[in-house]
C-alpha atoms as a PDB file:
ATOM      1  CA  MET A   1      24.165 -18.078  14.920  1.00  0.00           C
ATOM      2  CA  PRO A   2      25.669 -16.339  11.888  1.00  0.00           C
ATOM      3  CA  ALA A   3      24.039 -13.237  10.809  1.00  0.00           C
ATOM      4  CA  PHE A   4      22.549 -12.851   7.180  1.00  0.00           C
ATOM      5  CA  PRO A   5      23.150 -10.350   4.880  1.00  0.00           C
ATOM      6  CA  ALA A   6      20.502  -8.337   3.764  1.00  0.00           C
ATOM      7  CA  PRO A   7      19.437  -8.813   0.308  1.00  0.00           C
ATOM      8  CA  GLY A   8      20.790  -6.545  -2.231  1.00  0.00           C
ATOM      9  CA  ARG A   9      19.447  -4.741  -5.270  1.00  0.00           C
ATOM     10  CA  SER A  10      19.895  -7.901  -7.192  1.00  0.00           C
ATOM     11  CA  ALA A  11      17.502  -9.896  -5.142  1.00  0.00           C
ATOM     12  CA  LEU A  12      14.903  -7.002  -5.027  1.00  0.00           C
ATOM     13  CA  ARG A  13      14.725  -7.422  -8.955  1.00  0.00           C
ATOM     14  CA  ARG A  14      15.006 -11.411  -9.240  1.00  0.00           C
ATOM     15  CA  GLY A  15      11.466 -12.142 -10.445  1.00  0.00           C
ATOM     16  CA  ARG A  16      10.264  -8.997 -10.808  1.00  0.00           C
ATOM     17  CA  VAL A  17       7.580  -9.079 -13.565  1.00  0.00           C
ATOM     18  CA  SER A  18       5.519  -6.505 -14.943  1.00  0.00           C
ATOM     19  CA  ARG A  19       1.965  -6.940 -15.557  1.00  0.00           C
ATOM     20  CA  PRO A  20      -0.371  -4.566 -17.291  1.00  0.00           C
ATOM     21  CA  GLY A  21      -3.259  -3.996 -14.926  1.00  0.00           C
ATOM     22  CA  GLN A  22      -1.235  -5.827 -12.210  1.00  0.00           C
ATOM     23  CA  VAL A  23      -1.478  -3.479  -9.048  1.00  0.00           C
ATOM     24  CA  TYR A  24       1.769  -2.984  -7.194  1.00  0.00           C
ATOM     25  CA  LEU A  25       2.559  -1.727  -3.547  1.00  0.00           C
ATOM     26  CA  ILE A  26       5.795   0.178  -3.739  1.00  0.00           C
ATOM     27  CA  THR A  27       8.468   1.218  -1.289  1.00  0.00           C
ATOM     28  CA  VAL A  28      11.136   3.697  -2.250  1.00  0.00           C
ATOM     29  CA  THR A  29      13.421   4.814   0.540  1.00  0.00           C
ATOM     30  CA  THR A  30      15.770   7.712   0.108  1.00  0.00           C
ATOM     31  CA  ARG A  31      19.791   7.306   0.207  1.00  0.00           C
ATOM     32  CA  TYR A  32      21.004   6.418   3.235  1.00  0.00           C
ATOM     33  CA  ARG A  33      17.476   6.986   4.725  1.00  0.00           C
ATOM     34  CA  GLN A  34      18.058  10.549   5.246  1.00  0.00           C
ATOM     35  CA  PRO A  35      15.106  12.190   6.269  1.00  0.00           C
ATOM     36  CA  ILE A  36      15.014  14.755   3.382  1.00  0.00           C
ATOM     37  CA  PHE A  37      11.132  14.737   3.624  1.00  0.00           C
ATOM     38  CA  GLY A  38      11.268  16.045   7.363  1.00  0.00           C
ATOM     39  CA  ASN A  39      11.592  19.231   5.713  1.00  0.00           C
ATOM     40  CA  HIS A  40       8.006  20.528   4.928  1.00  0.00           C
ATOM     41  CA  GLU A  41       8.982  22.255   1.986  1.00  0.00           C
ATOM     42  CA  ALA A  42      11.069  19.545   0.311  1.00  0.00           C
ATOM     43  CA  ALA A  43       7.930  17.440   1.335  1.00  0.00           C
ATOM     44  CA  ARG A  44       5.417  19.893  -0.459  1.00  0.00           C
ATOM     45  CA  VAL A  45       7.701  19.852  -3.654  1.00  0.00           C
ATOM     46  CA  ALA A  46       7.552  16.214  -3.703  1.00  0.00           C
ATOM     47  CA  SER A  47       3.976  15.847  -3.312  1.00  0.00           C
ATOM     48  CA  ARG A  48       2.947  18.232  -6.028  1.00  0.00           C
ATOM     49  CA  VAL A  49       5.275  15.692  -8.323  1.00  0.00           C
ATOM     50  CA  ILE A  50       3.730  12.484  -6.822  1.00  0.00           C
ATOM     51  CA  HIS A  51       0.329  14.274  -7.521  1.00  0.00           C
ATOM     52  CA  ALA A  52       0.913  15.000 -11.164  1.00  0.00           C
ATOM     53  CA  SER A  53      -0.675  12.675 -13.193  1.00  0.00           C
ATOM     54  CA  THR A  54       2.050  13.374 -16.195  1.00  0.00           C
ATOM     55  CA  HIS A  55       4.924  11.484 -14.256  1.00  0.00           C
ATOM     56  CA  TRP A  56       3.112   8.314 -14.161  1.00  0.00           C
ATOM     57  CA  GLY A  57       2.570   7.617 -18.128  1.00  0.00           C
ATOM     58  CA  ASP A  58      -0.217   5.170 -18.525  1.00  0.00           C
ATOM     59  CA  ALA A  59       0.053   3.646 -14.683  1.00  0.00           C
ATOM     60  CA  GLN A  60      -2.236   5.017 -12.357  1.00  0.00           C
ATOM     61  CA  LEU A  61      -1.421   5.860  -8.698  1.00  0.00           C
ATOM     62  CA  LEU A  62      -3.993   4.558  -6.436  1.00  0.00           C
ATOM     63  CA  ALA A  63      -2.982   5.861  -3.135  1.00  0.00           C
ATOM     64  CA  TRP A  64       0.493   7.011  -1.557  1.00  0.00           C
ATOM     65  CA  VAL A  65       2.267   8.528   1.276  1.00  0.00           C
ATOM     66  CA  LEU A  66       5.546  10.268   1.804  1.00  0.00           C
ATOM     67  CA  MET A  67       7.308   9.495   4.683  1.00  0.00           C
ATOM     68  CA  PRO A  68      10.457  11.525   6.091  1.00  0.00           C
ATOM     69  CA  ASP A  69      12.775   8.947   4.639  1.00  0.00           C
ATOM     70  CA  HIS A  70      10.621   6.802   1.932  1.00  0.00           C
ATOM     71  CA  TRP A  71       7.504   6.578  -0.280  1.00  0.00           C
ATOM     72  CA  HIS A  72       4.806   3.980  -0.591  1.00  0.00           C
ATOM     73  CA  GLY A  73       2.416   3.764  -3.276  1.00  0.00           C
ATOM     74  CA  LEU A  74      -0.181   1.700  -4.759  1.00  0.00           C
ATOM     75  CA  LEU A  75       0.091   1.760  -8.388  1.00  0.00           C
ATOM     76  CA  GLU A  76      -2.027   0.037 -11.349  1.00  0.00           C
ATOM     77  CA  LEU A  77       0.501  -0.828 -14.117  1.00  0.00           C
ATOM     78  CA  GLY A  78      -0.491   0.372 -17.118  1.00  0.00           C
ATOM     79  CA  GLU A  79       1.365  -1.020 -20.631  1.00  0.00           C
ATOM     80  CA  GLU A  80       4.875   0.264 -19.371  1.00  0.00           C
ATOM     81  CA  PRO A  81       7.155  -1.787 -17.410  1.00  0.00           C
ATOM     82  CA  LEU A  82       7.211  -1.252 -13.646  1.00  0.00           C
ATOM     83  CA  ASP A  83      10.926  -0.157 -13.326  1.00  0.00           C
ATOM     84  CA  ARG A  84      10.391   2.683 -16.035  1.00  0.00           C
ATOM     85  CA  VAL A  85       7.592   3.887 -14.282  1.00  0.00           C
ATOM     86  CA  VAL A  86       9.234   3.768 -11.068  1.00  0.00           C
ATOM     87  CA  ALA A  87      12.343   5.333 -12.767  1.00  0.00           C
ATOM     88  CA  ARG A  88      10.742   8.215 -14.007  1.00  0.00           C
ATOM     89  CA  PHE A  89       8.608   9.243 -10.756  1.00  0.00           C
ATOM     90  CA  LYS A  90      12.373   9.111  -8.721  1.00  0.00           C
ATOM     91  CA  ALA A  91      13.921  11.119 -11.347  1.00  0.00           C
ATOM     92  CA  ALA A  92      10.967  14.078 -11.634  1.00  0.00           C
ATOM     93  CA  VAL A  93      11.024  14.048  -7.850  1.00  0.00           C
ATOM     94  CA  CYS A  94      14.862  14.533  -7.284  1.00  0.00           C
ATOM     95  CA  ARG A  95      14.873  17.278 -10.446  1.00  0.00           C
ATOM     96  CA  GLU A  96      11.794  19.193  -8.908  1.00  0.00           C
ATOM     97  CA  LEU A  97      13.905  19.199  -5.464  1.00  0.00           C
ATOM     98  CA  HIS A  98      17.291  19.895  -7.346  1.00  0.00           C
ATOM     99  CA  ALA A  99      15.808  22.933  -9.356  1.00  0.00           C
ATOM    100  CA  SER A 100      14.176  24.208  -5.832  1.00  0.00           C
ATOM    101  CA  GLY A 101      17.498  24.447  -4.078  1.00  0.00           C
ATOM    102  CA  LEU A 102      16.217  22.246  -1.371  1.00  0.00           C
ATOM    103  CA  PHE A 103      18.432  19.400  -2.258  1.00  0.00           C
ATOM    104  CA  GLU A 104      21.507  18.363  -4.101  1.00  0.00           C
ATOM    105  CA  GLY A 105      23.009  15.074  -4.769  1.00  0.00           C
ATOM    106  CA  LYS A 106      21.454  11.611  -4.921  1.00  0.00           C
ATOM    107  CA  LEU A 107      17.923  11.450  -3.582  1.00  0.00           C
ATOM    108  CA  TRP A 108      16.845   7.853  -3.581  1.00  0.00           C
ATOM    109  CA  ASP A 109      18.385   4.454  -2.929  1.00  0.00           C
ATOM    110  CA  ARG A 110      18.955   2.748  -6.146  1.00  0.00           C
ATOM    111  CA  SER A 111      16.388   0.382  -6.048  1.00  0.00           C
ATOM    112  CA  PHE A 112      12.701  -0.388  -4.994  1.00  0.00           C
ATOM    113  CA  HIS A 113      10.668  -2.716  -3.495  1.00  0.00           C
ATOM    114  CA  ASP A 114       7.529  -4.285  -5.071  1.00  0.00           C
ATOM    115  CA  HIS A 115       4.889  -6.551  -4.076  1.00  0.00           C
ATOM    116  CA  ALA A 116       2.209  -7.619  -6.592  1.00  0.00           C
ATOM    117  CA  LEU A 117      -0.978  -7.803  -4.719  1.00  0.00           C
ATOM    118  CA  ARG A 118      -2.585 -11.190  -5.100  1.00  0.00           C
ATOM    119  CA  ARG A 119      -6.755 -11.389  -5.432  1.00  0.00           C
ATOM    120  CA  GLU A 120      -7.462 -11.655  -1.931  1.00  0.00           C
ATOM    121  CA  GLU A 121      -5.517  -8.747  -1.099  1.00  0.00           C
ATOM    122  CA  ARG A 122      -8.317  -5.885  -0.760  1.00  0.00           C
ATOM    123  CA  LEU A 123      -7.170  -2.398  -2.552  1.00  0.00           C
ATOM    124  CA  LEU A 124      -8.845  -0.611   0.260  1.00  0.00           C
ATOM    125  CA  GLY A 125      -7.017  -2.331   2.986  1.00  0.00           C
ATOM    126  CA  VAL A 126      -3.557  -1.665   1.550  1.00  0.00           C
ATOM    127  CA  ALA A 127      -4.508   1.712   1.094  1.00  0.00           C
ATOM    128  CA  ARG A 128      -5.806   2.016   4.586  1.00  0.00           C
ATOM    129  CA  TYR A 129      -2.156   0.507   5.551  1.00  0.00           C
ATOM    130  CA  ILE A 130      -0.701   3.200   3.454  1.00  0.00           C
ATOM    131  CA  ALA A 131      -2.416   6.094   4.625  1.00  0.00           C
ATOM    132  CA  GLY A 132      -1.779   4.777   8.193  1.00  0.00           C
ATOM    133  CA  ASN A 133       1.822   5.198   8.169  1.00  0.00           C
ATOM    134  CA  PRO A 134       2.382   8.433   9.636  1.00  0.00           C
ATOM    135  CA  ILE A 135       0.419   7.331  12.279  1.00  0.00           C
ATOM    136  CA  ARG A 136       2.353   3.942  13.252  1.00  0.00           C
ATOM    137  CA  ALA A 137       5.555   6.149  13.023  1.00  0.00           C
ATOM    138  CA  GLY A 138       4.142   8.593  15.600  1.00  0.00           C
ATOM    139  CA  LEU A 139       4.234  11.490  13.548  1.00  0.00           C
ATOM    140  CA  VAL A 140       0.301  12.230  13.812  1.00  0.00           C
ATOM    141  CA  ASP A 141      -2.477  10.716  15.820  1.00  0.00           C
ATOM    142  CA  SER A 142      -4.785  11.070  12.889  1.00  0.00           C
ATOM    143  CA  VAL A 143      -4.119  10.751   9.253  1.00  0.00           C
ATOM    144  CA  LEU A 144      -6.138  13.853   8.530  1.00  0.00           C
ATOM    145  CA  ALA A 145      -3.267  15.687  10.491  1.00  0.00           C
ATOM    146  CA  TYR A 146      -0.534  14.354   7.812  1.00  0.00           C
ATOM    147  CA  PRO A 147      -0.693  16.284   4.167  1.00  0.00           C
ATOM    148  CA  TYR A 148       1.853  14.490   2.310  1.00  0.00           C
ATOM    149  CA  TRP A 149      -0.968  11.481   1.375  1.00  0.00           C
ATOM    150  CA  ASN A 150      -3.621  11.033  -1.292  1.00  0.00           C
ATOM    151  CA  ALA A 151      -5.689   8.168  -2.544  1.00  0.00           C
ATOM    152  CA  VAL A 152      -8.089   8.139  -5.423  1.00  0.00           C
ATOM    153  CA  TRP A 153     -11.083   7.454  -3.494  1.00  0.00           C
ATOM    154  CA  LEU A 154     -10.758  10.807  -1.593  1.00  0.00           C
ATOM    155  CA  ASP A 155     -12.707  11.747  -4.877  1.00  0.00           C
ATOM    156  CA  SER A 156     -15.693   9.300  -4.753  1.00  0.00           C
ATOM    157  CA  SER A 157     -17.866   7.712  -2.349  1.00  0.00           C
ATOM    158  CA  ASP A 158     -15.719   4.848  -1.656  1.00  0.00           C
ATOM    159  CA  ALA A 159     -13.542   7.655   0.741  1.00  0.00           C
ATOM    160  CA  GLN A 160     -15.953   7.305   3.515  1.00  0.00           C
ATOM    161  CA  HIS A 161     -14.309   3.404   3.740  1.00  0.00           C
ATOM    162  CA  LEU A 162     -10.663   4.490   4.187  1.00  0.00           C
END
């Protein structure tokens, strides 16, 4: 049976619609899946950028995790198009890593994967999936032992449900 090639960047963009108020699960990979963020200094620099609300415009970052070779985020879109928000995030992380001297060159793959959550998909369930990535990858035994993630619910009474 012939192998089918993986979909290219254009296939990822096909059908992408930016809807204000829509929540998206975003995945961005490093170029060639290099484990850049396996370096704790690089992960700390990137985490500071990710956590800063200034890079998200009118979108709200609900939950995120930074893995050695990729990033997952749960993003509620504002009026700005999704690809513009993600491009600004990617550029900000890259700029800070270059400025810190921790990385040179192209950091991210050119495109990203997005999944618009349907009504029946529960936000906290998707946030749990995001936070659980380091456990599934065998990096830690408990999400509390992994420093490179956050969720808006951690500052509220809903934190106990994560």
